[in-house]
Every structure is written in C-alpha cells, then in structure tokens.
Amino acid sequence: MRSSVKIAGAKYLRITERYLLSVTITYAFTIFALSFYTASGLDLYVSLFIVEFFILTLLHSPFNGKTQRIVNFTGYGLFAVFVAIVALKVLQILVGSLV
C-alpha cells in the first residue's frame, strides 16, 4: 500500500496528485479568465491548454514509469495538435495577405 509522505504530522500529496490538482486549477482559472475575453475561436483555448500542460508537466517531472509513459504519449498528441493549429494560423495569414 502506497501512502502519502508525512512530515511532522502533516499529510502531503504525491507528485501525481499534485500534478492533477495543478492542471485542474490552472485550466479552471484559464477558462474563468478567458470567459471575460470575448474569444470566439476554440484554437485560443486549445493552444493555451497545451502550453499549460507542457509547463506544468515540466514543473512536476519526473513521474514513475507508467505515469511518465502516459504523460509522454499525451504530450506527443498535444504537440501535434499545437503544430497543426500554428500551421493553420500561418497559412491563414499568408493566404489572407495574398487576397
């Protein structure tokens, strides 16, 4: 049975629990902050979520083996989505400048 670390009677979260809590709080704050900004594009939300994912993953690394593989696999997929969004935006700017 795995237990959380206790120091002087205080119970601390494991790294994966801290990571999930940080991601949840950060995403909730981002949604709350962007709700005041009249952004109509979904690409803004997705791009910010992906950047936040990578920053929080970097701050909470390293994970145990299985968790690290899952986070890496998720990161590869999110990076591909981010590259696609950026490529579409660049294409939109270039084609828009030709018209």
PDB file of N, CA and C in Angstrom:
ATOM      1  N   MET A   1       0.839  -1.176   0.000  1.00  0.00           N
ATOM      2  CA  MET A   1       0.000   0.000   0.000  1.00  0.00           C
ATOM      3  C   MET A   1       0.884   1.240   0.000  1.00  0.00           C
ATOM      4  N   ARG A   2       0.652   2.124  -0.975  1.00  0.00           N
ATOM      5  CA  ARG A   2       1.413   3.357  -1.035  1.00  0.00           C
ATOM      6  C   ARG A   2       0.694   4.426  -0.238  1.00  0.00           C
ATOM      7  N   SER A   3       1.459   5.182   0.482  1.00  0.00           N
ATOM      8  CA  SER A   3       0.855   6.256   1.257  1.00  0.00           C
ATOM      9  C   SER A   3       1.559   7.555   0.940  1.00  0.00           C
ATOM     10  N   SER A   4       0.903   8.625   1.261  1.00  0.00           N
ATOM     11  CA  SER A   4       1.491   9.935   1.062  1.00  0.00           C
ATOM     12  C   SER A   4       2.560  10.184   2.108  1.00  0.00           C
ATOM     13  N   VAL A   5       3.444  11.089   1.822  1.00  0.00           N
ATOM     14  CA  VAL A   5       4.529  11.424   2.730  1.00  0.00           C
ATOM     15  C   VAL A   5       3.976  12.253   3.880  1.00  0.00           C
ATOM     16  N   LYS A   6       4.430  11.930   5.074  1.00  0.00           N
ATOM     17  CA  LYS A   6       4.022  12.706   6.243  1.00  0.00           C
ATOM     18  C   LYS A   6       5.253  13.337   6.868  1.00  0.00           C
ATOM     19  N   ILE A   7       5.186  14.616   7.099  1.00  0.00           N
ATOM     20  CA  ILE A   7       6.259  15.335   7.775  1.00  0.00           C
ATOM     21  C   ILE A   7       5.632  16.100   8.926  1.00  0.00           C
ATOM     22  N   ALA A   8       6.081  15.801  10.134  1.00  0.00           N
ATOM     23  CA  ALA A   8       5.589  16.456  11.352  1.00  0.00           C
ATOM     24  C   ALA A   8       4.070  16.365  11.463  1.00  0.00           C
ATOM     25  N   GLY A   9       3.511  15.233  11.051  1.00  0.00           N
ATOM     26  CA  GLY A   9       2.083  15.013  11.190  1.00  0.00           C
ATOM     27  C   GLY A   9       1.243  15.571  10.053  1.00  0.00           C
ATOM     28  N   ALA A  10       1.848  16.371   9.147  1.00  0.00           N
ATOM     29  CA  ALA A  10       1.099  16.939   8.029  1.00  0.00           C
ATOM     30  C   ALA A  10       1.157  15.983   6.844  1.00  0.00           C
ATOM     31  N   LYS A  11       0.051  15.795   6.175  1.00  0.00           N
ATOM     32  CA  LYS A  11      -0.017  14.888   5.041  1.00  0.00           C
ATOM     33  C   LYS A  11       0.152  15.691   3.751  1.00  0.00           C
ATOM     34  N   TYR A  12       1.090  15.253   2.912  1.00  0.00           N
ATOM     35  CA  TYR A  12       1.364  15.927   1.647  1.00  0.00           C
ATOM     36  C   TYR A  12       0.904  15.054   0.489  1.00  0.00           C
ATOM     37  N   LEU A  13       0.574  15.689  -0.620  1.00  0.00           N
ATOM     38  CA  LEU A  13       0.129  14.968  -1.807  1.00  0.00           C
ATOM     39  C   LEU A  13       1.315  14.353  -2.536  1.00  0.00           C
ATOM     40  N   ARG A  14       1.073  13.211  -3.165  1.00  0.00           N
ATOM     41  CA  ARG A  14       2.095  12.621  -4.037  1.00  0.00           C
ATOM     42  C   ARG A  14       2.229  13.487  -5.270  1.00  0.00           C
ATOM     43  N   ILE A  15       3.299  13.268  -6.014  1.00  0.00           N
ATOM     44  CA  ILE A  15       3.596  14.128  -7.158  1.00  0.00           C
ATOM     45  C   ILE A  15       2.509  14.052  -8.232  1.00  0.00           C
ATOM     46  N   THR A  16       1.951  12.864  -8.466  1.00  0.00           N
ATOM     47  CA  THR A  16       0.899  12.756  -9.479  1.00  0.00           C
ATOM     48  C   THR A  16      -0.382  13.449  -9.031  1.00  0.00           C
ATOM     49  N   GLU A  17      -0.662  13.379  -7.735  1.00  0.00           N
ATOM     50  CA  GLU A  17      -1.836  14.069  -7.202  1.00  0.00           C
ATOM     51  C   GLU A  17      -1.667  15.576  -7.281  1.00  0.00           C
ATOM     52  N   ARG A  18      -0.462  16.053  -6.945  1.00  0.00           N
ATOM     53  CA  ARG A  18      -0.173  17.491  -7.079  1.00  0.00           C
ATOM     54  C   ARG A  18      -0.285  17.938  -8.525  1.00  0.00           C
ATOM     55  N   TYR A  19       0.207  17.106  -9.440  1.00  0.00           N
ATOM     56  CA  TYR A  19       0.164  17.430 -10.866  1.00  0.00           C
ATOM     57  C   TYR A  19      -1.283  17.560 -11.344  1.00  0.00           C
ATOM     58  N   LEU A  20      -2.115  16.574 -11.031  1.00  0.00           N
ATOM     59  CA  LEU A  20      -3.513  16.622 -11.460  1.00  0.00           C
ATOM     60  C   LEU A  20      -4.253  17.800 -10.838  1.00  0.00           C
ATOM     61  N   LEU A  21      -3.975  18.091  -9.589  1.00  0.00           N
ATOM     62  CA  LEU A  21      -4.603  19.238  -8.932  1.00  0.00           C
ATOM     63  C   LEU A  21      -4.150  20.542  -9.586  1.00  0.00           C
ATOM     64  N   SER A  22      -2.869  20.651  -9.908  1.00  0.00           N
ATOM     65  CA  SER A  22      -2.349  21.859 -10.554  1.00  0.00           C
ATOM     66  C   SER A  22      -2.953  22.053 -11.938  1.00  0.00           C
ATOM     67  N   VAL A  23      -3.059  20.972 -12.700  1.00  0.00           N
ATOM     68  CA  VAL A  23      -3.653  21.063 -14.039  1.00  0.00           C
ATOM     69  C   VAL A  23      -5.117  21.493 -13.932  1.00  0.00           C
ATOM     70  N   THR A  24      -5.839  20.913 -13.009  1.00  0.00           N
ATOM     71  CA  THR A  24      -7.255  21.248 -12.841  1.00  0.00           C
ATOM     72  C   THR A  24      -7.447  22.703 -12.458  1.00  0.00           C
ATOM     73  N   ILE A  25      -6.680  23.183 -11.492  1.00  0.00           N
ATOM     74  CA  ILE A  25      -6.804  24.569 -11.046  1.00  0.00           C
ATOM     75  C   ILE A  25      -6.396  25.531 -12.156  1.00  0.00           C
ATOM     76  N   THR A  26      -5.317  25.212 -12.858  1.00  0.00           N
ATOM     77  CA  THR A  26      -4.844  26.094 -13.929  1.00  0.00           C
ATOM     78  C   THR A  26      -5.849  26.157 -15.071  1.00  0.00           C
ATOM     79  N   TYR A  27      -6.400  25.023 -15.469  1.00  0.00           N
ATOM     80  CA  TYR A  27      -7.387  25.021 -16.544  1.00  0.00           C
ATOM     81  C   TYR A  27      -8.654  25.778 -16.126  1.00  0.00           C
ATOM     82  N   ALA A  28      -9.082  25.587 -14.896  1.00  0.00           N
ATOM     83  CA  ALA A  28     -10.268  26.303 -14.416  1.00  0.00           C
ATOM     84  C   ALA A  28     -10.030  27.810 -14.401  1.00  0.00           C
ATOM     85  N   PHE A  29      -8.850  28.225 -13.955  1.00  0.00           N
ATOM     86  CA  PHE A  29      -8.531  29.651 -13.944  1.00  0.00           C
ATOM     87  C   PHE A  29      -8.461  30.204 -15.365  1.00  0.00           C
ATOM     88  N   THR A  30      -7.918  29.434 -16.292  1.00  0.00           N
ATOM     89  CA  THR A  30      -7.833  29.878 -17.683  1.00  0.00           C
ATOM     90  C   THR A  30      -9.225  30.046 -18.286  1.00  0.00           C
ATOM     91  N   ILE A  31     -10.098  29.097 -18.040  1.00  0.00           N
ATOM     92  CA  ILE A  31     -11.469  29.209 -18.548  1.00  0.00           C
ATOM     93  C   ILE A  31     -12.162  30.418 -17.931  1.00  0.00           C
ATOM     94  N   PHE A  32     -11.973  30.617 -16.637  1.00  0.00           N
ATOM     95  CA  PHE A  32     -12.585  31.761 -15.961  1.00  0.00           C
ATOM     96  C   PHE A  32     -12.052  33.074 -16.535  1.00  0.00           C
ATOM     97  N   ALA A  33     -10.735  33.179 -16.721  1.00  0.00           N
ATOM     98  CA  ALA A  33     -10.133  34.413 -17.233  1.00  0.00           C
ATOM     99  C   ALA A  33     -10.542  34.673 -18.676  1.00  0.00           C
ATOM    100  N   LEU A  34     -10.577  33.627 -19.498  1.00  0.00           N
ATOM    101  CA  LEU A  34     -10.937  33.820 -20.898  1.00  0.00           C
ATOM    102  C   LEU A  34     -12.439  34.021 -21.101  1.00  0.00           C
ATOM    103  N   SER A  35     -13.239  33.711 -20.103  1.00  0.00           N
ATOM    104  CA  SER A  35     -14.672  33.947 -20.244  1.00  0.00           C
ATOM    105  C   SER A  35     -14.983  35.443 -20.282  1.00  0.00           C
ATOM    106  N   PHE A  36     -14.106  36.246 -19.697  1.00  0.00           N
ATOM    107  CA  PHE A  36     -14.286  37.697 -19.755  1.00  0.00           C
ATOM    108  C   PHE A  36     -13.768  38.275 -21.061  1.00  0.00           C
ATOM    109  N   TYR A  37     -12.911  37.543 -21.729  1.00  0.00           N
ATOM    110  CA  TYR A  37     -12.376  37.940 -23.019  1.00  0.00           C
ATOM    111  C   TYR A  37     -13.258  37.312 -24.081  1.00  0.00           C
ATOM    112  N   THR A  38     -13.764  38.119 -24.981  1.00  0.00           N
ATOM    113  CA  THR A  38     -14.723  37.599 -25.964  1.00  0.00           C
ATOM    114  C   THR A  38     -14.004  36.900 -27.110  1.00  0.00           C
ATOM    115  N   ALA A  39     -13.402  35.785 -26.802  1.00  0.00           N
ATOM    116  CA  ALA A  39     -12.707  34.989 -27.812  1.00  0.00           C
ATOM    117  C   ALA A  39     -13.688  34.003 -28.418  1.00  0.00           C
ATOM    118  N   SER A  40     -13.814  34.065 -29.717  1.00  0.00           N
ATOM    119  CA  SER A  40     -14.753  33.167 -30.375  1.00  0.00           C
ATOM    120  C   SER A  40     -14.070  31.922 -30.923  1.00  0.00           C
ATOM    121  N   GLY A  41     -12.748  31.935 -30.962  1.00  0.00           N
ATOM    122  CA  GLY A  41     -12.030  30.803 -31.540  1.00  0.00           C
ATOM    123  C   GLY A  41     -11.653  29.760 -30.512  1.00  0.00           C
ATOM    124  N   LEU A  42     -11.927  28.529 -30.853  1.00  0.00           N
ATOM    125  CA  LEU A  42     -11.558  27.416 -29.987  1.00  0.00           C
ATOM    126  C   LEU A  42     -10.051  27.204 -29.970  1.00  0.00           C
ATOM    127  N   ASP A  43      -9.375  27.639 -31.024  1.00  0.00           N
ATOM    128  CA  ASP A  43      -7.935  27.440 -31.116  1.00  0.00           C
ATOM    129  C   ASP A  43      -7.175  28.180 -30.014  1.00  0.00           C
ATOM    130  N   LEU A  44      -7.688  29.305 -29.554  1.00  0.00           N
ATOM    131  CA  LEU A  44      -7.043  30.028 -28.456  1.00  0.00           C
ATOM    132  C   LEU A  44      -7.071  29.206 -27.171  1.00  0.00           C
ATOM    133  N   TYR A  45      -8.232  28.656 -26.849  1.00  0.00           N
ATOM    134  CA  TYR A  45      -8.367  27.838 -25.650  1.00  0.00           C
ATOM    135  C   TYR A  45      -7.469  26.600 -25.721  1.00  0.00           C
ATOM    136  N   VAL A  46      -7.510  25.906 -26.852  1.00  0.00           N
ATOM    137  CA  VAL A  46      -6.732  24.678 -27.005  1.00  0.00           C
ATOM    138  C   VAL A  46      -5.236  24.985 -26.924  1.00  0.00           C
ATOM    139  N   SER A  47      -4.805  26.050 -27.572  1.00  0.00           N
ATOM    140  CA  SER A  47      -3.383  26.417 -27.542  1.00  0.00           C
ATOM    141  C   SER A  47      -2.923  26.744 -26.124  1.00  0.00           C
ATOM    142  N   LEU A  48      -3.712  27.496 -25.395  1.00  0.00           N
ATOM    143  CA  LEU A  48      -3.342  27.821 -24.010  1.00  0.00           C
ATOM    144  C   LEU A  48      -3.321  26.578 -23.127  1.00  0.00           C
ATOM    145  N   PHE A  49      -4.285  25.690 -23.309  1.00  0.00           N
ATOM    146  CA  PHE A  49      -4.303  24.460 -22.523  1.00  0.00           C
ATOM    147  C   PHE A  49      -3.072  23.604 -22.807  1.00  0.00           C
ATOM    148  N   ILE A  50      -2.672  23.549 -24.072  1.00  0.00           N
ATOM    149  CA  ILE A  50      -1.498  22.747 -24.429  1.00  0.00           C
ATOM    150  C   ILE A  50      -0.234  23.345 -23.823  1.00  0.00           C
ATOM    151  N   VAL A  51      -0.079  24.657 -23.905  1.00  0.00           N
ATOM    152  CA  VAL A  51       1.096  25.313 -23.319  1.00  0.00           C
ATOM    153  C   VAL A  51       1.114  25.103 -21.802  1.00  0.00           C
ATOM    154  N   GLU A  52      -0.040  25.228 -21.163  1.00  0.00           N
ATOM    155  CA  GLU A  52      -0.117  25.000 -19.720  1.00  0.00           C
ATOM    156  C   GLU A  52       0.229  23.552 -19.376  1.00  0.00           C
ATOM    157  N   PHE A  53      -0.227  22.615 -20.187  1.00  0.00           N
ATOM    158  CA  PHE A  53       0.093  21.206 -19.962  1.00  0.00           C
ATOM    159  C   PHE A  53       1.594  20.992 -19.943  1.00  0.00           C
ATOM    160  N   PHE A  54       2.297  21.542 -20.943  1.00  0.00           N
ATOM    161  CA  PHE A  54       3.742  21.343 -21.026  1.00  0.00           C
ATOM    162  C   PHE A  54       4.482  22.042 -19.886  1.00  0.00           C
ATOM    163  N   ILE A  55       4.042  23.225 -19.502  1.00  0.00           N
ATOM    164  CA  ILE A  55       4.694  23.928 -18.398  1.00  0.00           C
ATOM    165  C   ILE A  55       4.509  23.170 -17.085  1.00  0.00           C
ATOM    166  N   LEU A  56       3.285  22.736 -16.809  1.00  0.00           N
ATOM    167  CA  LEU A  56       3.034  22.009 -15.559  1.00  0.00           C
ATOM    168  C   LEU A  56       3.713  20.641 -15.559  1.00  0.00           C
ATOM    169  N   THR A  57       3.791  20.006 -16.711  1.00  0.00           N
ATOM    170  CA  THR A  57       4.496  18.723 -16.790  1.00  0.00           C
ATOM    171  C   THR A  57       5.977  18.916 -16.502  1.00  0.00           C
ATOM    172  N   LEU A  58       6.539  19.975 -17.024  1.00  0.00           N
ATOM    173  CA  LEU A  58       7.949  20.267 -16.775  1.00  0.00           C
ATOM    174  C   LEU A  58       8.199  20.562 -15.301  1.00  0.00           C
ATOM    175  N   LEU A  59       7.291  21.271 -14.668  1.00  0.00           N
ATOM    176  CA  LEU A  59       7.465  21.625 -13.256  1.00  0.00           C
ATOM    177  C   LEU A  59       7.284  20.445 -12.314  1.00  0.00           C
ATOM    178  N   HIS A  60       6.512  19.443 -12.718  1.00  0.00           N
ATOM    179  CA  HIS A  60       6.220  18.316 -11.826  1.00  0.00           C
ATOM    180  C   HIS A  60       6.973  17.035 -12.181  1.00  0.00           C
ATOM    181  N   SER A  61       7.855  17.065 -13.135  1.00  0.00           N
ATOM    182  CA  SER A  61       8.620  15.870 -13.524  1.00  0.00           C
ATOM    183  C   SER A  61       9.706  15.601 -12.509  1.00  0.00           C
ATOM    184  N   PRO A  62      10.160  14.398 -12.345  1.00  0.00           N
ATOM    185  CA  PRO A  62       9.838  13.160 -13.043  1.00  0.00           C
ATOM    186  C   PRO A  62       8.702  12.403 -12.351  1.00  0.00           C
ATOM    187  N   PHE A  63       8.008  11.595 -13.130  1.00  0.00           N
ATOM    188  CA  PHE A  63       6.956  10.730 -12.627  1.00  0.00           C
ATOM    189  C   PHE A  63       7.481   9.301 -12.577  1.00  0.00           C
ATOM    190  N   ASN A  64       6.652   8.404 -12.036  1.00  0.00           N
ATOM    191  CA  ASN A  64       7.052   6.996 -12.085  1.00  0.00           C
ATOM    192  C   ASN A  64       6.896   6.478 -13.520  1.00  0.00           C
ATOM    193  N   GLY A  65       7.353   5.271 -13.795  1.00  0.00           N
ATOM    194  CA  GLY A  65       7.445   4.751 -15.155  1.00  0.00           C
ATOM    195  C   GLY A  65       6.156   4.779 -15.949  1.00  0.00           C
ATOM    196  N   LYS A  66       5.082   4.195 -15.413  1.00  0.00           N
ATOM    197  CA  LYS A  66       3.818   4.120 -16.141  1.00  0.00           C
ATOM    198  C   LYS A  66       3.220   5.504 -16.355  1.00  0.00           C
ATOM    199  N   THR A  67       3.249   6.321 -15.333  1.00  0.00           N
ATOM    200  CA  THR A  67       2.705   7.672 -15.443  1.00  0.00           C
ATOM    201  C   THR A  67       3.496   8.490 -16.450  1.00  0.00           C
ATOM    202  N   GLN A  68       4.811   8.333 -16.462  1.00  0.00           N
ATOM    203  CA  GLN A  68       5.657   9.068 -17.401  1.00  0.00           C
ATOM    204  C   GLN A  68       5.345   8.681 -18.841  1.00  0.00           C
ATOM    205  N   ARG A  69       5.107   7.397 -19.096  1.00  0.00           N
ATOM    206  CA  ARG A  69       4.753   6.954 -20.446  1.00  0.00           C
ATOM    207  C   ARG A  69       3.419   7.546 -20.893  1.00  0.00           C
ATOM    208  N   ILE A  70       2.452   7.579 -19.995  1.00  0.00           N
ATOM    209  CA  ILE A  70       1.142   8.141 -20.327  1.00  0.00           C
ATOM    210  C   ILE A  70       1.259   9.637 -20.607  1.00  0.00           C
ATOM    211  N   VAL A  71       2.006  10.348 -19.769  1.00  0.00           N
ATOM    212  CA  VAL A  71       2.186  11.790 -19.958  1.00  0.00           C
ATOM    213  C   VAL A  71       2.940  12.061 -21.261  1.00  0.00           C
ATOM    214  N   ASN A  72       3.956  11.259 -21.566  1.00  0.00           N
ATOM    215  CA  ASN A  72       4.694  11.435 -22.815  1.00  0.00           C
ATOM    216  C   ASN A  72       3.798  11.206 -24.033  1.00  0.00           C
ATOM    217  N   PHE A  73       3.006  10.148 -24.001  1.00  0.00           N
ATOM    218  CA  PHE A  73       2.103   9.850 -25.110  1.00  0.00           C
ATOM    219  C   PHE A  73       1.099  10.984 -25.309  1.00  0.00           C
ATOM    220  N   THR A  74       0.550  11.488 -24.212  1.00  0.00           N
ATOM    221  CA  THR A  74      -0.378  12.612 -24.281  1.00  0.00           C
ATOM    222  C   THR A  74       0.323  13.850 -24.826  1.00  0.00           C
ATOM    223  N   GLY A  75       1.547  14.079 -24.391  1.00  0.00           N
ATOM    224  CA  GLY A  75       2.309  15.229 -24.863  1.00  0.00           C
ATOM    225  C   GLY A  75       2.590  15.177 -26.352  1.00  0.00           C
ATOM    226  N   TYR A  76       2.886  13.985 -26.881  1.00  0.00           N
ATOM    227  CA  TYR A  76       3.128  13.846 -28.323  1.00  0.00           C
ATOM    228  C   TYR A  76       1.876  14.222 -29.116  1.00  0.00           C
ATOM    229  N   GLY A  77       0.738  13.749 -28.654  1.00  0.00           N
ATOM    230  CA  GLY A  77      -0.513  14.080 -29.332  1.00  0.00           C
ATOM    231  C   GLY A  77      -0.844  15.556 -29.256  1.00  0.00           C
ATOM    232  N   LEU A  78      -0.663  16.144 -28.080  1.00  0.00           N
ATOM    233  CA  LEU A  78      -0.947  17.566 -27.923  1.00  0.00           C
ATOM    234  C   LEU A  78       0.014  18.433 -28.728  1.00  0.00           C
ATOM    235  N   PHE A  79       1.271  18.009 -28.823  1.00  0.00           N
ATOM    236  CA  PHE A  79       2.226  18.766 -29.622  1.00  0.00           C
ATOM    237  C   PHE A  79       1.831  18.738 -31.098  1.00  0.00           C
ATOM    238  N   ALA A  80       1.355  17.610 -31.575  1.00  0.00           N
ATOM    239  CA  ALA A  80       0.899  17.519 -32.966  1.00  0.00           C
ATOM    240  C   ALA A  80      -0.295  18.441 -33.209  1.00  0.00           C
ATOM    241  N   VAL A  81      -1.213  18.492 -32.263  1.00  0.00           N
ATOM    242  CA  VAL A  81      -2.367  19.392 -32.385  1.00  0.00           C
ATOM    243  C   VAL A  81      -1.897  20.846 -32.382  1.00  0.00           C
ATOM    244  N   PHE A  82      -0.950  21.176 -31.503  1.00  0.00           N
ATOM    245  CA  PHE A  82      -0.432  22.544 -31.427  1.00  0.00           C
ATOM    246  C   PHE A  82       0.247  22.947 -32.739  1.00  0.00           C
ATOM    247  N   VAL A  83       1.046  22.057 -33.314  1.00  0.00           N
ATOM    248  CA  VAL A  83       1.712  22.340 -34.592  1.00  0.00           C
ATOM    249  C   VAL A  83       0.675  22.535 -35.693  1.00  0.00           C
ATOM    250  N   ALA A  84      -0.380  21.743 -35.690  1.00  0.00           N
ATOM    251  CA  ALA A  84      -1.435  21.891 -36.695  1.00  0.00           C
ATOM    252  C   ALA A  84      -2.142  23.243 -36.552  1.00  0.00           C
ATOM    253  N   ILE A  85      -2.422  23.663 -35.328  1.00  0.00           N
ATOM    254  CA  ILE A  85      -3.073  24.955 -35.100  1.00  0.00           C
ATOM    255  C   ILE A  85      -2.184  26.091 -35.585  1.00  0.00           C
ATOM    256  N   VAL A  86      -0.903  26.037 -35.238  1.00  0.00           N
ATOM    257  CA  VAL A  86       0.029  27.088 -35.666  1.00  0.00           C
ATOM    258  C   VAL A  86       0.157  27.101 -37.184  1.00  0.00           C
ATOM    259  N   ALA A  87       0.251  25.930 -37.797  1.00  0.00           N
ATOM    260  CA  ALA A  87       0.367  25.863 -39.262  1.00  0.00           C
ATOM    261  C   ALA A  87      -0.874  26.442 -39.934  1.00  0.00           C
ATOM    262  N   LEU A  88      -2.051  26.144 -39.410  1.00  0.00           N
ATOM    263  CA  LEU A  88      -3.277  26.702 -39.986  1.00  0.00           C
ATOM    264  C   LEU A  88      -3.336  28.213 -39.834  1.00  0.00           C
ATOM    265  N   LYS A  89      -2.885  28.720 -38.699  1.00  0.00           N
ATOM    266  CA  LYS A  89      -2.873  30.173 -38.489  1.00  0.00           C
ATOM    267  C   LYS A  89      -1.879  30.853 -39.424  1.00  0.00           C
ATOM    268  N   VAL A  90      -0.699  30.263 -39.595  1.00  0.00           N
ATOM    269  CA  VAL A  90       0.293  30.830 -40.520  1.00  0.00           C
ATOM    270  C   VAL A  90      -0.250  30.802 -41.934  1.00  0.00           C
ATOM    271  N   LEU A  91      -0.869  29.702 -42.330  1.00  0.00           N
ATOM    272  CA  LEU A  91      -1.459  29.595 -43.660  1.00  0.00           C
ATOM    273  C   LEU A  91      -2.571  30.623 -43.848  1.00  0.00           C
ATOM    274  N   GLN A  92      -3.361  30.822 -42.816  1.00  0.00           N
ATOM    275  CA  GLN A  92      -4.430  31.810 -42.874  1.00  0.00           C
ATOM    276  C   GLN A  92      -3.861  33.217 -43.052  1.00  0.00           C
ATOM    277  N   ILE A  93      -2.764  33.527 -42.392  1.00  0.00           N
ATOM    278  CA  ILE A  93      -2.133  34.840 -42.531  1.00  0.00           C
ATOM    279  C   ILE A  93      -1.547  35.017 -43.925  1.00  0.00           C
ATOM    280  N   LEU A  94      -0.863  33.979 -44.418  1.00  0.00           N
ATOM    281  CA  LEU A  94      -0.247  34.072 -45.738  1.00  0.00           C
ATOM    282  C   LEU A  94      -1.280  34.155 -46.853  1.00  0.00           C
ATOM    283  N   VAL A  95      -2.310  33.354 -46.795  1.00  0.00           N
ATOM    284  CA  VAL A  95      -3.354  33.392 -47.820  1.00  0.00           C
ATOM    285  C   VAL A  95      -4.164  34.668 -47.705  1.00  0.00           C
ATOM    286  N   GLY A  96      -4.379  35.118 -46.486  1.00  0.00           N
ATOM    287  CA  GLY A  96      -5.113  36.369 -46.277  1.00  0.00           C
ATOM    288  C   GLY A  96      -4.373  37.573 -46.817  1.00  0.00           C
ATOM    289  N   SER A  97      -3.034  37.511 -46.792  1.00  0.00           N
ATOM    290  CA  SER A  97      -2.244  38.632 -47.306  1.00  0.00           C
ATOM    291  C   SER A  97      -2.220  38.644 -48.826  1.00  0.00           C
ATOM    292  N   LEU A  98      -2.471  37.504 -49.467  1.00  0.00           N
ATOM    293  CA  LEU A  98      -2.493  37.444 -50.926  1.00  0.00           C
ATOM    294  C   LEU A  98      -3.814  37.958 -51.502  1.00  0.00           C
ATOM    295  N   VAL A  99      -4.865  37.904 -50.732  1.00  0.00           N
ATOM    296  CA  VAL A  99      -6.193  38.321 -51.210  1.00  0.00           C
ATOM    297  C   VAL A  99      -6.388  39.796 -51.067  1.00  0.00           C
TER     298      VAL A  99
END
